[in-house]
Amino acid sequence: MWEVFTCCAENPYQGMNNTQVYQYIVGGGRLQKPAVCPERIYVLMLECWQHEPNRRPSFEYICQKIGGYLDQNCEN
């Protein structure tokens, strides 16, 4: 999702090697909210980035949240 809202114009962990990315993530680091990303979607991203897999939302939940956002913000 992060790449979608940056239009793939940014490298998510610019200047970090794999070990540094791992340490950053395990240490609680998360990517910043892209400028054009709605707060609701960023909150969903944060939920998806939970360290414990069982705390991450299901794909069905993610689809419902994104679908609800699209229903409220896009015209048919």
PDB file of N, CA and C in Angstrom:
ATOM      1  N   MET A   1       0.821  -1.192   0.000  1.00  0.00           N
ATOM      2  CA  MET A   1       0.000   0.000   0.000  1.00  0.00           C
ATOM      3  C   MET A   1       0.864   1.256   0.000  1.00  0.00           C
ATOM      4  N   TRP A   2       1.970   1.208   0.742  1.00  0.00           N
ATOM      5  CA  TRP A   2       2.838   2.386   0.823  1.00  0.00           C
ATOM      6  C   TRP A   2       3.337   2.776  -0.557  1.00  0.00           C
ATOM      7  N   GLU A   3       3.737   1.792  -1.337  1.00  0.00           N
ATOM      8  CA  GLU A   3       4.241   2.063  -2.679  1.00  0.00           C
ATOM      9  C   GLU A   3       3.159   2.666  -3.571  1.00  0.00           C
ATOM     10  N   VAL A   4       1.926   2.226  -3.405  1.00  0.00           N
ATOM     11  CA  VAL A   4       0.822   2.775  -4.198  1.00  0.00           C
ATOM     12  C   VAL A   4       0.675   4.266  -3.928  1.00  0.00           C
ATOM     13  N   PHE A   5       0.731   4.664  -2.668  1.00  0.00           N
ATOM     14  CA  PHE A   5       0.513   6.066  -2.320  1.00  0.00           C
ATOM     15  C   PHE A   5       1.738   6.946  -2.540  1.00  0.00           C
ATOM     16  N   THR A   6       2.871   6.339  -2.844  1.00  0.00           N
ATOM     17  CA  THR A   6       4.029   7.142  -3.260  1.00  0.00           C
ATOM     18  C   THR A   6       4.208   7.058  -4.768  1.00  0.00           C
ATOM     19  N   CYS A   7       3.279   6.361  -5.437  1.00  0.00           N
ATOM     20  CA  CYS A   7       3.345   6.137  -6.891  1.00  0.00           C
ATOM     21  C   CYS A   7       4.681   5.511  -7.284  1.00  0.00           C
ATOM     22  N   CYS A   8       5.226   4.700  -6.391  1.00  0.00           N
ATOM     23  CA  CYS A   8       6.506   4.012  -6.592  1.00  0.00           C
ATOM     24  C   CYS A   8       7.641   4.990  -6.904  1.00  0.00           C
ATOM     25  N   ALA A   9       7.466   6.248  -6.525  1.00  0.00           N
ATOM     26  CA  ALA A   9       8.486   7.268  -6.789  1.00  0.00           C
ATOM     27  C   ALA A   9       9.561   7.299  -5.710  1.00  0.00           C
ATOM     28  N   GLU A  10       9.308   6.608  -4.598  1.00  0.00           N
ATOM     29  CA  GLU A  10      10.269   6.587  -3.503  1.00  0.00           C
ATOM     30  C   GLU A  10      10.663   5.152  -3.188  1.00  0.00           C
ATOM     31  N   ASN A  11      11.891   4.983  -2.748  1.00  0.00           N
ATOM     32  CA  ASN A  11      12.352   3.694  -2.258  1.00  0.00           C
ATOM     33  C   ASN A  11      11.999   3.651  -0.776  1.00  0.00           C
ATOM     34  N   PRO A  12      11.262   2.638  -0.319  1.00  0.00           N
ATOM     35  CA  PRO A  12      10.788   2.651   1.060  1.00  0.00           C
ATOM     36  C   PRO A  12      11.880   2.713   2.129  1.00  0.00           C
ATOM     37  N   TYR A  13      13.007   2.153   1.898  1.00  0.00           N
ATOM     38  CA  TYR A  13      14.079   2.152   2.904  1.00  0.00           C
ATOM     39  C   TYR A  13      15.370   2.653   2.276  1.00  0.00           C
ATOM     40  N   GLN A  14      15.278   3.799   1.653  1.00  0.00           N
ATOM     41  CA  GLN A  14      16.403   4.398   0.928  1.00  0.00           C
ATOM     42  C   GLN A  14      17.658   4.454   1.796  1.00  0.00           C
ATOM     43  N   GLY A  15      18.745   3.947   1.260  1.00  0.00           N
ATOM     44  CA  GLY A  15      20.033   4.026   1.936  1.00  0.00           C
ATOM     45  C   GLY A  15      20.277   2.958   2.984  1.00  0.00           C
ATOM     46  N   MET A  16      19.325   2.038   3.181  1.00  0.00           N
ATOM     47  CA  MET A  16      19.492   0.975   4.175  1.00  0.00           C
ATOM     48  C   MET A  16      19.732  -0.348   3.467  1.00  0.00           C
ATOM     49  N   ASN A  17      20.604  -1.168   4.053  1.00  0.00           N
ATOM     50  CA  ASN A  17      20.754  -2.530   3.552  1.00  0.00           C
ATOM     51  C   ASN A  17      19.743  -3.421   4.277  1.00  0.00           C
ATOM     52  N   ASN A  18      19.679  -4.693   3.917  1.00  0.00           N
ATOM     53  CA  ASN A  18      18.680  -5.592   4.497  1.00  0.00           C
ATOM     54  C   ASN A  18      18.792  -5.704   6.010  1.00  0.00           C
ATOM     55  N   THR A  19      20.007  -5.767   6.527  1.00  0.00           N
ATOM     56  CA  THR A  19      20.205  -5.864   7.972  1.00  0.00           C
ATOM     57  C   THR A  19      19.686  -4.613   8.666  1.00  0.00           C
ATOM     58  N   GLN A  20      19.968  -3.458   8.105  1.00  0.00           N
ATOM     59  CA  GLN A  20      19.500  -2.207   8.696  1.00  0.00           C
ATOM     60  C   GLN A  20      17.975  -2.102   8.660  1.00  0.00           C
ATOM     61  N   VAL A  21      17.377  -2.547   7.568  1.00  0.00           N
ATOM     62  CA  VAL A  21      15.911  -2.535   7.476  1.00  0.00           C
ATOM     63  C   VAL A  21      15.328  -3.444   8.552  1.00  0.00           C
ATOM     64  N   TYR A  22      15.886  -4.628   8.694  1.00  0.00           N
ATOM     65  CA  TYR A  22      15.411  -5.569   9.710  1.00  0.00           C
ATOM     66  C   TYR A  22      15.495  -4.948  11.100  1.00  0.00           C
ATOM     67  N   GLN A  23      16.631  -4.367  11.429  1.00  0.00           N
ATOM     68  CA  GLN A  23      16.814  -3.753  12.744  1.00  0.00           C
ATOM     69  C   GLN A  23      15.845  -2.590  12.957  1.00  0.00           C
ATOM     70  N   TYR A  24      15.623  -1.822  11.919  1.00  0.00           N
ATOM     71  CA  TYR A  24      14.693  -0.692  11.981  1.00  0.00           C
ATOM     72  C   TYR A  24      13.275  -1.176  12.286  1.00  0.00           C
ATOM     73  N   ILE A  25      12.848  -2.215  11.565  1.00  0.00           N
ATOM     74  CA  ILE A  25      11.496  -2.747  11.739  1.00  0.00           C
ATOM     75  C   ILE A  25      11.335  -3.392  13.110  1.00  0.00           C
ATOM     76  N   VAL A  26      12.274  -4.238  13.496  1.00  0.00           N
ATOM     77  CA  VAL A  26      12.199  -4.915  14.790  1.00  0.00           C
ATOM     78  C   VAL A  26      12.234  -3.897  15.930  1.00  0.00           C
ATOM     79  N   GLY A  27      12.947  -2.805  15.714  1.00  0.00           N
ATOM     80  CA  GLY A  27      13.015  -1.743  16.712  1.00  0.00           C
ATOM     81  C   GLY A  27      11.778  -0.862  16.760  1.00  0.00           C
ATOM     82  N   GLY A  28      10.782  -1.187  15.948  1.00  0.00           N
ATOM     83  CA  GLY A  28       9.529  -0.437  15.965  1.00  0.00           C
ATOM     84  C   GLY A  28       9.434   0.648  14.914  1.00  0.00           C
ATOM     85  N   GLY A  29      10.450   0.790  14.087  1.00  0.00           N
ATOM     86  CA  GLY A  29      10.423   1.807  13.039  1.00  0.00           C
ATOM     87  C   GLY A  29       9.394   1.479  11.971  1.00  0.00           C
ATOM     88  N   ARG A  30       8.728   2.489  11.499  1.00  0.00           N
ATOM     89  CA  ARG A  30       7.747   2.330  10.428  1.00  0.00           C
ATOM     90  C   ARG A  30       7.932   3.449   9.413  1.00  0.00           C
ATOM     91  N   LEU A  31       7.558   3.184   8.188  1.00  0.00           N
ATOM     92  CA  LEU A  31       7.636   4.194   7.141  1.00  0.00           C
ATOM     93  C   LEU A  31       6.679   5.338   7.467  1.00  0.00           C
ATOM     94  N   GLN A  32       7.063   6.536   7.082  1.00  0.00           N
ATOM     95  CA  GLN A  32       6.205   7.695   7.311  1.00  0.00           C
ATOM     96  C   GLN A  32       5.029   7.675   6.351  1.00  0.00           C
ATOM     97  N   LYS A  33       3.982   8.368   6.731  1.00  0.00           N
ATOM     98  CA  LYS A  33       2.784   8.453   5.898  1.00  0.00           C
ATOM     99  C   LYS A  33       3.102   9.242   4.639  1.00  0.00           C
ATOM    100  N   PRO A  34       2.836   8.662   3.467  1.00  0.00           N
ATOM    101  CA  PRO A  34       3.025   9.423   2.231  1.00  0.00           C
ATOM    102  C   PRO A  34       2.138  10.672   2.228  1.00  0.00           C
ATOM    103  N   ALA A  35       2.601  11.712   1.587  1.00  0.00           N
ATOM    104  CA  ALA A  35       1.906  13.004   1.607  1.00  0.00           C
ATOM    105  C   ALA A  35       0.461  12.910   1.121  1.00  0.00           C
ATOM    106  N   VAL A  36       0.203  12.102   0.120  1.00  0.00           N
ATOM    107  CA  VAL A  36      -1.150  12.026  -0.443  1.00  0.00           C
ATOM    108  C   VAL A  36      -1.985  10.884   0.144  1.00  0.00           C
ATOM    109  N   CYS A  37      -1.499  10.255   1.178  1.00  0.00           N
ATOM    110  CA  CYS A  37      -2.188   9.110   1.773  1.00  0.00           C
ATOM    111  C   CYS A  37      -3.181   9.585   2.842  1.00  0.00           C
ATOM    112  N   PRO A  38      -4.439   9.165   2.735  1.00  0.00           N
ATOM    113  CA  PRO A  38      -5.412   9.503   3.774  1.00  0.00           C
ATOM    114  C   PRO A  38      -5.016   8.866   5.112  1.00  0.00           C
ATOM    115  N   GLU A  39      -5.310   9.545   6.181  1.00  0.00           N
ATOM    116  CA  GLU A  39      -4.967   9.051   7.519  1.00  0.00           C
ATOM    117  C   GLU A  39      -5.546   7.659   7.766  1.00  0.00           C
ATOM    118  N   ARG A  40      -6.778   7.419   7.336  1.00  0.00           N
ATOM    119  CA  ARG A  40      -7.421   6.111   7.546  1.00  0.00           C
ATOM    120  C   ARG A  40      -6.638   4.989   6.882  1.00  0.00           C
ATOM    121  N   ILE A  41      -6.102   5.250   5.721  1.00  0.00           N
ATOM    122  CA  ILE A  41      -5.336   4.231   5.007  1.00  0.00           C
ATOM    123  C   ILE A  41      -3.991   4.016   5.693  1.00  0.00           C
ATOM    124  N   TYR A  42      -3.378   5.082   6.176  1.00  0.00           N
ATOM    125  CA  TYR A  42      -2.104   4.932   6.878  1.00  0.00           C
ATOM    126  C   TYR A  42      -2.293   4.127   8.166  1.00  0.00           C
ATOM    127  N   VAL A  43      -3.377   4.364   8.862  1.00  0.00           N
ATOM    128  CA  VAL A  43      -3.667   3.576  10.069  1.00  0.00           C
ATOM    129  C   VAL A  43      -3.791   2.096   9.700  1.00  0.00           C
ATOM    130  N   LEU A  44      -4.422   1.816   8.574  1.00  0.00           N
ATOM    131  CA  LEU A  44      -4.524   0.432   8.099  1.00  0.00           C
ATOM    132  C   LEU A  44      -3.139  -0.133   7.792  1.00  0.00           C
ATOM    133  N   MET A  45      -2.277   0.662   7.172  1.00  0.00           N
ATOM    134  CA  MET A  45      -0.900   0.216   6.915  1.00  0.00           C
ATOM    135  C   MET A  45      -0.214  -0.154   8.222  1.00  0.00           C
ATOM    136  N   LEU A  46      -0.362   0.700   9.230  1.00  0.00           N
ATOM    137  CA  LEU A  46       0.270   0.428  10.521  1.00  0.00           C
ATOM    138  C   LEU A  46      -0.250  -0.876  11.117  1.00  0.00           C
ATOM    139  N   GLU A  47      -1.534  -1.133  10.960  1.00  0.00           N
ATOM    140  CA  GLU A  47      -2.096  -2.400  11.438  1.00  0.00           C
ATOM    141  C   GLU A  47      -1.443  -3.576  10.710  1.00  0.00           C
ATOM    142  N   CYS A  48      -1.238  -3.433   9.419  1.00  0.00           N
ATOM    143  CA  CYS A  48      -0.624  -4.502   8.617  1.00  0.00           C
ATOM    144  C   CYS A  48       0.838  -4.729   8.991  1.00  0.00           C
ATOM    145  N   TRP A  49       1.478  -3.716   9.544  1.00  0.00           N
ATOM    146  CA  TRP A  49       2.891  -3.801   9.891  1.00  0.00           C
ATOM    147  C   TRP A  49       3.123  -4.258  11.330  1.00  0.00           C
ATOM    148  N   GLN A  50       2.094  -4.763  11.999  1.00  0.00           N
ATOM    149  CA  GLN A  50       2.274  -5.275  13.356  1.00  0.00           C
ATOM    150  C   GLN A  50       3.350  -6.363  13.342  1.00  0.00           C
ATOM    151  N   HIS A  51       4.189  -6.356  14.363  1.00  0.00           N
ATOM    152  CA  HIS A  51       5.275  -7.341  14.432  1.00  0.00           C
ATOM    153  C   HIS A  51       4.727  -8.765  14.575  1.00  0.00           C
ATOM    154  N   GLU A  52       3.730  -8.933  15.421  1.00  0.00           N
ATOM    155  CA  GLU A  52       3.150 -10.261  15.650  1.00  0.00           C
ATOM    156  C   GLU A  52       2.133 -10.574  14.546  1.00  0.00           C
ATOM    157  N   PRO A  53       2.360 -11.629  13.779  1.00  0.00           N
ATOM    158  CA  PRO A  53       1.455 -11.950  12.674  1.00  0.00           C
ATOM    159  C   PRO A  53      -0.013 -12.076  13.079  1.00  0.00           C
ATOM    160  N   ASN A  54      -0.274 -12.616  14.264  1.00  0.00           N
ATOM    161  CA  ASN A  54      -1.668 -12.804  14.685  1.00  0.00           C
ATOM    162  C   ASN A  54      -2.358 -11.484  15.028  1.00  0.00           C
ATOM    163  N   ARG A  55      -1.605 -10.396  15.099  1.00  0.00           N
ATOM    164  CA  ARG A  55      -2.183  -9.073  15.360  1.00  0.00           C
ATOM    165  C   ARG A  55      -2.451  -8.303  14.066  1.00  0.00           C
ATOM    166  N   ARG A  56      -2.012  -8.859  12.936  1.00  0.00           N
ATOM    167  CA  ARG A  56      -2.231  -8.207  11.644  1.00  0.00           C
ATOM    168  C   ARG A  56      -3.648  -8.502  11.151  1.00  0.00           C
ATOM    169  N   PRO A  57      -4.245  -7.559  10.420  1.00  0.00           N
ATOM    170  CA  PRO A  57      -5.604  -7.793   9.920  1.00  0.00           C
ATOM    171  C   PRO A  57      -5.629  -8.853   8.826  1.00  0.00           C
ATOM    172  N   SER A  58      -6.781  -9.479   8.701  1.00  0.00           N
ATOM    173  CA  SER A  58      -6.971 -10.464   7.635  1.00  0.00           C
ATOM    174  C   SER A  58      -7.121  -9.738   6.299  1.00  0.00           C
ATOM    175  N   PHE A  59      -6.941 -10.483   5.222  1.00  0.00           N
ATOM    176  CA  PHE A  59      -7.115  -9.904   3.895  1.00  0.00           C
ATOM    177  C   PHE A  59      -8.550  -9.419   3.713  1.00  0.00           C
ATOM    178  N   GLU A  60      -9.496 -10.167   4.251  1.00  0.00           N
ATOM    179  CA  GLU A  60     -10.909  -9.770   4.164  1.00  0.00           C
ATOM    180  C   GLU A  60     -11.130  -8.418   4.848  1.00  0.00           C
ATOM    181  N   TYR A  61     -10.555  -8.242   6.029  1.00  0.00           N
ATOM    182  CA  TYR A  61     -10.665  -6.978   6.766  1.00  0.00           C
ATOM    183  C   TYR A  61     -10.052  -5.834   5.963  1.00  0.00           C
ATOM    184  N   ILE A  62      -8.876  -6.075   5.389  1.00  0.00           N
ATOM    185  CA  ILE A  62      -8.204  -5.051   4.580  1.00  0.00           C
ATOM    186  C   ILE A  62      -9.089  -4.652   3.403  1.00  0.00           C
ATOM    187  N   CYS A  63      -9.643  -5.635   2.716  1.00  0.00           N
ATOM    188  CA  CYS A  63     -10.525  -5.348   1.571  1.00  0.00           C
ATOM    189  C   CYS A  63     -11.753  -4.556   2.004  1.00  0.00           C
ATOM    190  N   GLN A  64     -12.336  -4.903   3.146  1.00  0.00           N
ATOM    191  CA  GLN A  64     -13.503  -4.177   3.651  1.00  0.00           C
ATOM    192  C   GLN A  64     -13.150  -2.724   3.950  1.00  0.00           C
ATOM    193  N   LYS A  65     -12.015  -2.501   4.594  1.00  0.00           N
ATOM    194  CA  LYS A  65     -11.601  -1.139   4.943  1.00  0.00           C
ATOM    195  C   LYS A  65     -11.342  -0.305   3.692  1.00  0.00           C
ATOM    196  N   ILE A  66     -10.615  -0.873   2.747  1.00  0.00           N
ATOM    197  CA  ILE A  66     -10.320  -0.136   1.511  1.00  0.00           C
ATOM    198  C   ILE A  66     -11.610   0.083   0.716  1.00  0.00           C
ATOM    199  N   GLY A  67     -12.453  -0.946   0.643  1.00  0.00           N
ATOM    200  CA  GLY A  67     -13.728  -0.811  -0.057  1.00  0.00           C
ATOM    201  C   GLY A  67     -14.607   0.261   0.558  1.00  0.00           C
ATOM    202  N   GLY A  68     -14.656   0.316   1.881  1.00  0.00           N
ATOM    203  CA  GLY A  68     -15.431   1.347   2.564  1.00  0.00           C
ATOM    204  C   GLY A  68     -14.896   2.733   2.279  1.00  0.00           C
ATOM    205  N   TYR A  69     -13.582   2.850   2.262  1.00  0.00           N
ATOM    206  CA  TYR A  69     -12.975   4.145   1.948  1.00  0.00           C
ATOM    207  C   TYR A  69     -13.325   4.562   0.520  1.00  0.00           C
ATOM    208  N   LEU A  70     -13.213   3.640  -0.418  1.00  0.00           N
ATOM    209  CA  LEU A  70     -13.522   3.950  -1.817  1.00  0.00           C
ATOM    210  C   LEU A  70     -14.993   4.319  -1.990  1.00  0.00           C
ATOM    211  N   ASP A  71     -15.877   3.595  -1.298  1.00  0.00           N
ATOM    212  CA  ASP A  71     -17.304   3.901  -1.381  1.00  0.00           C
ATOM    213  C   ASP A  71     -17.596   5.325  -0.912  1.00  0.00           C
ATOM    214  N   GLN A  72     -16.902   5.769   0.123  1.00  0.00           N
ATOM    215  CA  GLN A  72     -17.139   7.095   0.686  1.00  0.00           C
ATOM    216  C   GLN A  72     -16.464   8.209  -0.101  1.00  0.00           C
ATOM    217  N   ASN A  73     -15.421   7.892  -0.846  1.00  0.00           N
ATOM    218  CA  ASN A  73     -14.608   8.945  -1.443  1.00  0.00           C
ATOM    219  C   ASN A  73     -14.536   8.951  -2.964  1.00  0.00           C
ATOM    220  N   CYS A  74     -15.176   8.007  -3.608  1.00  0.00           N
ATOM    221  CA  CYS A  74     -15.121   7.950  -5.075  1.00  0.00           C
ATOM    222  C   CYS A  74     -16.532   7.940  -5.636  1.00  0.00           C
ATOM    223  N   GLU A  75     -16.714   8.663  -6.698  1.00  0.00           N
ATOM    224  CA  GLU A  75     -18.005   8.661  -7.375  1.00  0.00           C
ATOM    225  C   GLU A  75     -18.055   7.492  -8.344  1.00  0.00           C
ATOM    226  N   ASN A  76     -19.244   6.975  -8.544  1.00  0.00           N
ATOM    227  CA  ASN A  76     -19.414   5.867  -9.496  1.00  0.00           C
ATOM    228  C   ASN A  76     -19.298   6.358 -10.906  1.00  0.00           C
TER     229      ASN A  76
END
